């Protein structure tokens, strides 16, 4: 079987792009290491473990 993949013409591609937008992924800013670290210190279990560590030392 042979297929002929011509795709869209330039005019069809421009029309599709104007109707549906460009085929781009939105960039998502990820959390930094320090943001994740600060978030972990808000966890009650972590606070209890840190207090227990300070008492033991």
PDB file of N, CA and C in Angstrom:
ATOM      1  N   UNK A   1       0.841  -1.172   0.000  1.00  0.00           N
ATOM      2  CA  UNK A   1       0.000   0.000   0.000  1.00  0.00           C
ATOM      3  C   UNK A   1       0.889   1.239   0.000  1.00  0.00           C
ATOM      4  N   UNK A   2       0.556   2.144  -0.851  1.00  0.00           N
ATOM      5  CA  UNK A   2       1.291   3.402  -0.901  1.00  0.00           C
ATOM      6  C   UNK A   2       0.341   4.525  -0.512  1.00  0.00           C
ATOM      7  N   UNK A   3       0.841   5.398   0.297  1.00  0.00           N
ATOM      8  CA  UNK A   3       0.043   6.524   0.756  1.00  0.00           C
ATOM      9  C   UNK A   3       0.695   7.806   0.282  1.00  0.00           C
ATOM     10  N   UNK A   4      -0.123   8.778   0.035  1.00  0.00           N
ATOM     11  CA  UNK A   4       0.371  10.073  -0.397  1.00  0.00           C
ATOM     12  C   UNK A   4       0.065  11.079   0.716  1.00  0.00           C
ATOM     13  N   UNK A   5       1.061  11.406   1.503  1.00  0.00           N
ATOM     14  CA  UNK A   5       0.896  12.335   2.615  1.00  0.00           C
ATOM     15  C   UNK A   5       1.299  13.731   2.164  1.00  0.00           C
ATOM     16  N   UNK A   6       0.345  14.491   1.696  1.00  0.00           N
ATOM     17  CA  UNK A   6       0.646  15.839   1.235  1.00  0.00           C
ATOM     18  C   UNK A   6       0.530  16.859   2.359  1.00  0.00           C
ATOM     19  N   UNK A   7      -0.333  16.636   3.293  1.00  0.00           N
ATOM     20  CA  UNK A   7      -0.517  17.585   4.379  1.00  0.00           C
ATOM     21  C   UNK A   7      -1.353  18.775   3.939  1.00  0.00           C
ATOM     22  N   UNK A   8      -1.340  19.818   4.743  1.00  0.00           N
ATOM     23  CA  UNK A   8      -2.120  21.015   4.454  1.00  0.00           C
ATOM     24  C   UNK A   8      -1.320  21.965   3.582  1.00  0.00           C
ATOM     25  N   UNK A   9      -2.040  22.726   2.805  1.00  0.00           N
ATOM     26  CA  UNK A   9      -1.368  23.782   2.050  1.00  0.00           C
ATOM     27  C   UNK A   9      -1.060  24.922   3.018  1.00  0.00           C
ATOM     28  N   UNK A  10      -0.273  25.878   2.575  1.00  0.00           N
ATOM     29  CA  UNK A  10       0.084  27.008   3.439  1.00  0.00           C
ATOM     30  C   UNK A  10      -1.155  27.794   3.839  1.00  0.00           C
ATOM     31  N   UNK A  11      -2.092  27.955   2.924  1.00  0.00           N
ATOM     32  CA  UNK A  11      -3.319  28.698   3.232  1.00  0.00           C
ATOM     33  C   UNK A  11      -4.175  27.934   4.239  1.00  0.00           C
ATOM     34  N   UNK A  12      -4.286  26.620   4.061  1.00  0.00           N
ATOM     35  CA  UNK A  12      -5.067  25.807   4.998  1.00  0.00           C
ATOM     36  C   UNK A  12      -4.419  25.800   6.382  1.00  0.00           C
ATOM     37  N   UNK A  13      -3.101  25.736   6.418  1.00  0.00           N
ATOM     38  CA  UNK A  13      -2.395  25.754   7.700  1.00  0.00           C
ATOM     39  C   UNK A  13      -2.597  27.081   8.406  1.00  0.00           C
ATOM     40  N   UNK A  14      -2.540  28.173   7.666  1.00  0.00           N
ATOM     41  CA  UNK A  14      -2.745  29.495   8.262  1.00  0.00           C
ATOM     42  C   UNK A  14      -4.172  29.639   8.778  1.00  0.00           C
ATOM     43  N   UNK A  15      -5.143  29.128   8.023  1.00  0.00           N
ATOM     44  CA  UNK A  15      -6.542  29.186   8.457  1.00  0.00           C
ATOM     45  C   UNK A  15      -6.735  28.362   9.730  1.00  0.00           C
ATOM     46  N   UNK A  16      -6.160  27.169   9.763  1.00  0.00           N
ATOM     47  CA  UNK A  16      -6.273  26.315  10.943  1.00  0.00           C
ATOM     48  C   UNK A  16      -5.597  26.959  12.146  1.00  0.00           C
ATOM     49  N   UNK A  17      -4.447  27.583  11.922  1.00  0.00           N
ATOM     50  CA  UNK A  17      -3.724  28.247  13.005  1.00  0.00           C
ATOM     51  C   UNK A  17      -4.517  29.429  13.541  1.00  0.00           C
ATOM     52  N   UNK A  18      -5.202  30.163  12.654  1.00  0.00           N
ATOM     53  CA  UNK A  18      -5.984  31.314  13.123  1.00  0.00           C
ATOM     54  C   UNK A  18      -7.232  30.858  13.881  1.00  0.00           C
ATOM     55  N   UNK A  19      -7.805  29.717  13.491  1.00  0.00           N
ATOM     56  CA  UNK A  19      -8.999  29.213  14.179  1.00  0.00           C
ATOM     57  C   UNK A  19      -8.672  28.536  15.506  1.00  0.00           C
ATOM     58  N   UNK A  20      -7.614  27.725  15.510  1.00  0.00           N
ATOM     59  CA  UNK A  20      -7.334  26.879  16.674  1.00  0.00           C
ATOM     60  C   UNK A  20      -6.101  27.304  17.463  1.00  0.00           C
ATOM     61  N   UNK A  21      -5.341  28.238  16.943  1.00  0.00           N
ATOM     62  CA  UNK A  21      -4.126  28.659  17.629  1.00  0.00           C
ATOM     63  C   UNK A  21      -2.939  27.833  17.188  1.00  0.00           C
ATOM     64  N   UNK A  22      -1.771  28.319  17.524  1.00  0.00           N
ATOM     65  CA  UNK A  22      -0.535  27.629  17.161  1.00  0.00           C
ATOM     66  C   UNK A  22      -0.388  26.348  17.973  1.00  0.00           C
ATOM     67  N   UNK A  23       0.384  25.444  17.471  1.00  0.00           N
ATOM     68  CA  UNK A  23       0.598  24.151  18.122  1.00  0.00           C
ATOM     69  C   UNK A  23       1.774  24.273  19.094  1.00  0.00           C
ATOM     70  N   UNK A  24       1.602  25.092  20.127  1.00  0.00           N
ATOM     71  CA  UNK A  24       2.647  25.326  21.117  1.00  0.00           C
ATOM     72  C   UNK A  24       2.186  24.818  22.472  1.00  0.00           C
ATOM     73  N   UNK A  25       3.125  24.306  23.234  1.00  0.00           N
ATOM     74  CA  UNK A  25       2.831  23.903  24.603  1.00  0.00           C
ATOM     75  C   UNK A  25       3.035  25.096  25.521  1.00  0.00           C
ATOM     76  N   UNK A  26       2.151  25.247  26.463  1.00  0.00           N
ATOM     77  CA  UNK A  26       2.294  26.318  27.438  1.00  0.00           C
ATOM     78  C   UNK A  26       3.388  25.932  28.419  1.00  0.00           C
ATOM     79  N   UNK A  27       4.278  26.859  28.676  1.00  0.00           N
ATOM     80  CA  UNK A  27       5.352  26.557  29.618  1.00  0.00           C
ATOM     81  C   UNK A  27       4.826  26.721  31.040  1.00  0.00           C
ATOM     82  N   UNK A  28       5.128  25.750  31.847  1.00  0.00           N
ATOM     83  CA  UNK A  28       4.681  25.745  33.236  1.00  0.00           C
ATOM     84  C   UNK A  28       5.910  25.911  34.117  1.00  0.00           C
ATOM     85  N   UNK A  29       5.851  26.916  34.979  1.00  0.00           N
ATOM     86  CA  UNK A  29       6.976  27.141  35.871  1.00  0.00           C
ATOM     87  C   UNK A  29       6.896  26.127  37.006  1.00  0.00           C
ATOM     88  N   UNK A  30       7.936  25.338  37.145  1.00  0.00           N
ATOM     89  CA  UNK A  30       7.969  24.340  38.203  1.00  0.00           C
ATOM     90  C   UNK A  30       8.407  24.939  39.526  1.00  0.00           C
ATOM     91  N   UNK A  31       8.144  24.212  40.580  1.00  0.00           N
ATOM     92  CA  UNK A  31       8.568  24.662  41.901  1.00  0.00           C
ATOM     93  C   UNK A  31      10.066  24.460  42.050  1.00  0.00           C
ATOM     94  N   UNK A  32      10.703  25.387  42.713  1.00  0.00           N
ATOM     95  CA  UNK A  32      12.133  25.235  42.954  1.00  0.00           C
ATOM     96  C   UNK A  32      12.356  24.280  44.129  1.00  0.00           C
ATOM     97  N   UNK A  33      13.587  23.860  44.291  1.00  0.00           N
ATOM     98  CA  UNK A  33      13.940  22.950  45.383  1.00  0.00           C
ATOM     99  C   UNK A  33      13.612  23.588  46.732  1.00  0.00           C
ATOM    100  N   UNK A  34      13.915  24.878  46.872  1.00  0.00           N
ATOM    101  CA  UNK A  34      13.701  25.549  48.152  1.00  0.00           C
ATOM    102  C   UNK A  34      12.214  25.734  48.455  1.00  0.00           C
ATOM    103  N   UNK A  35      11.403  25.928  47.422  1.00  0.00           N
ATOM    104  CA  UNK A  35       9.953  26.012  47.646  1.00  0.00           C
ATOM    105  C   UNK A  35       9.411  24.683  48.162  1.00  0.00           C
ATOM    106  N   UNK A  36       9.875  23.592  47.593  1.00  0.00           N
ATOM    107  CA  UNK A  36       9.447  22.268  48.055  1.00  0.00           C
ATOM    108  C   UNK A  36       9.935  22.005  49.474  1.00  0.00           C
ATOM    109  N   UNK A  37      11.158  22.436  49.776  1.00  0.00           N
ATOM    110  CA  UNK A  37      11.710  22.243  51.116  1.00  0.00           C
ATOM    111  C   UNK A  37      10.896  23.023  52.148  1.00  0.00           C
ATOM    112  N   UNK A  38      10.563  24.291  51.843  1.00  0.00           N
ATOM    113  CA  UNK A  38       9.748  25.093  52.753  1.00  0.00           C
ATOM    114  C   UNK A  38       8.371  24.470  52.949  1.00  0.00           C
ATOM    115  N   UNK A  39       7.811  23.928  51.885  1.00  0.00           N
ATOM    116  CA  UNK A  39       6.492  23.307  51.974  1.00  0.00           C
ATOM    117  C   UNK A  39       6.530  22.070  52.875  1.00  0.00           C
ATOM    118  N   UNK A  40       7.628  21.324  52.851  1.00  0.00           N
ATOM    119  CA  UNK A  40       7.742  20.135  53.692  1.00  0.00           C
ATOM    120  C   UNK A  40       7.818  20.487  55.167  1.00  0.00           C
ATOM    121  N   UNK A  41       8.376  21.643  55.508  1.00  0.00           N
ATOM    122  CA  UNK A  41       8.472  22.032  56.909  1.00  0.00           C
ATOM    123  C   UNK A  41       7.124  22.463  57.482  1.00  0.00           C
ATOM    124  N   UNK A  42       6.114  22.592  56.664  1.00  0.00           N
ATOM    125  CA  UNK A  42       4.770  22.918  57.145  1.00  0.00           C
ATOM    126  C   UNK A  42       3.990  21.665  57.532  1.00  0.00           C
ATOM    127  N   UNK A  43       4.532  20.505  57.226  1.00  0.00           N
ATOM    128  CA  UNK A  43       3.870  19.234  57.526  1.00  0.00           C
ATOM    129  C   UNK A  43       3.992  18.945  59.025  1.00  0.00           C
ATOM    130  N   UNK A  44       2.891  18.670  59.718  1.00  0.00           N
ATOM    131  CA  UNK A  44       2.942  18.439  61.172  1.00  0.00           C
ATOM    132  C   UNK A  44       3.853  17.276  61.572  1.00  0.00           C
ATOM    133  N   UNK A  45       3.907  16.224  60.789  1.00  0.00           N
ATOM    134  CA  UNK A  45       4.765  15.083  61.123  1.00  0.00           C
ATOM    135  C   UNK A  45       6.230  15.502  61.120  1.00  0.00           C
ATOM    136  N   UNK A  46       6.614  16.305  60.151  1.00  0.00           N
ATOM    137  CA  UNK A  46       8.002  16.775  60.064  1.00  0.00           C
ATOM    138  C   UNK A  46       8.328  17.649  61.270  1.00  0.00           C
ATOM    139  N   UNK A  47       7.394  18.505  61.665  1.00  0.00           N
ATOM    140  CA  UNK A  47       7.619  19.369  62.832  1.00  0.00           C
ATOM    141  C   UNK A  47       7.794  18.518  64.087  1.00  0.00           C
ATOM    142  N   UNK A  48       6.966  17.495  64.258  1.00  0.00           N
ATOM    143  CA  UNK A  48       7.082  16.602  65.421  1.00  0.00           C
ATOM    144  C   UNK A  48       8.430  15.897  65.413  1.00  0.00           C
ATOM    145  N   UNK A  49       8.864  15.423  64.257  1.00  0.00           N
ATOM    146  CA  UNK A  49      10.157  14.741  64.179  1.00  0.00           C
ATOM    147  C   UNK A  49      11.319  15.681  64.485  1.00  0.00           C
ATOM    148  N   UNK A  50      11.243  16.917  64.040  1.00  0.00           N
ATOM    149  CA  UNK A  50      12.310  17.885  64.323  1.00  0.00           C
ATOM    150  C   UNK A  50      12.345  18.205  65.811  1.00  0.00           C
ATOM    151  N   UNK A  51      11.181  18.379  66.427  1.00  0.00           N
ATOM    152  CA  UNK A  51      11.128  18.648  67.871  1.00  0.00           C
ATOM    153  C   UNK A  51      11.693  17.457  68.637  1.00  0.00           C
ATOM    154  N   UNK A  52      11.348  16.245  68.240  1.00  0.00           N
ATOM    155  CA  UNK A  52      11.876  15.050  68.900  1.00  0.00           C
ATOM    156  C   UNK A  52      13.385  14.967  68.731  1.00  0.00           C
ATOM    157  N   UNK A  53      13.891  15.327  67.575  1.00  0.00           N
ATOM    158  CA  UNK A  53      15.334  15.314  67.338  1.00  0.00           C
ATOM    159  C   UNK A  53      16.044  16.315  68.240  1.00  0.00           C
ATOM    160  N   UNK A  54      15.465  17.502  68.389  1.00  0.00           N
ATOM    161  CA  UNK A  54      16.074  18.529  69.245  1.00  0.00           C
ATOM    162  C   UNK A  54      16.068  18.073  70.697  1.00  0.00           C
ATOM    163  N   UNK A  55      14.999  17.431  71.147  1.00  0.00           N
ATOM    164  CA  UNK A  55      14.917  16.958  72.534  1.00  0.00           C
ATOM    165  C   UNK A  55      15.952  15.870  72.791  1.00  0.00           C
ATOM    166  N   UNK A  56      16.128  14.973  71.831  1.00  0.00           N
ATOM    167  CA  UNK A  56      17.084  13.878  72.006  1.00  0.00           C
ATOM    168  C   UNK A  56      18.515  14.399  72.063  1.00  0.00           C
ATOM    169  N   UNK A  57      18.818  15.386  71.245  1.00  0.00           N
ATOM    170  CA  UNK A  57      20.188  15.915  71.240  1.00  0.00           C
ATOM    171  C   UNK A  57      20.403  16.762  72.453  1.00  0.00           C
TER     172      UNK A  57
END
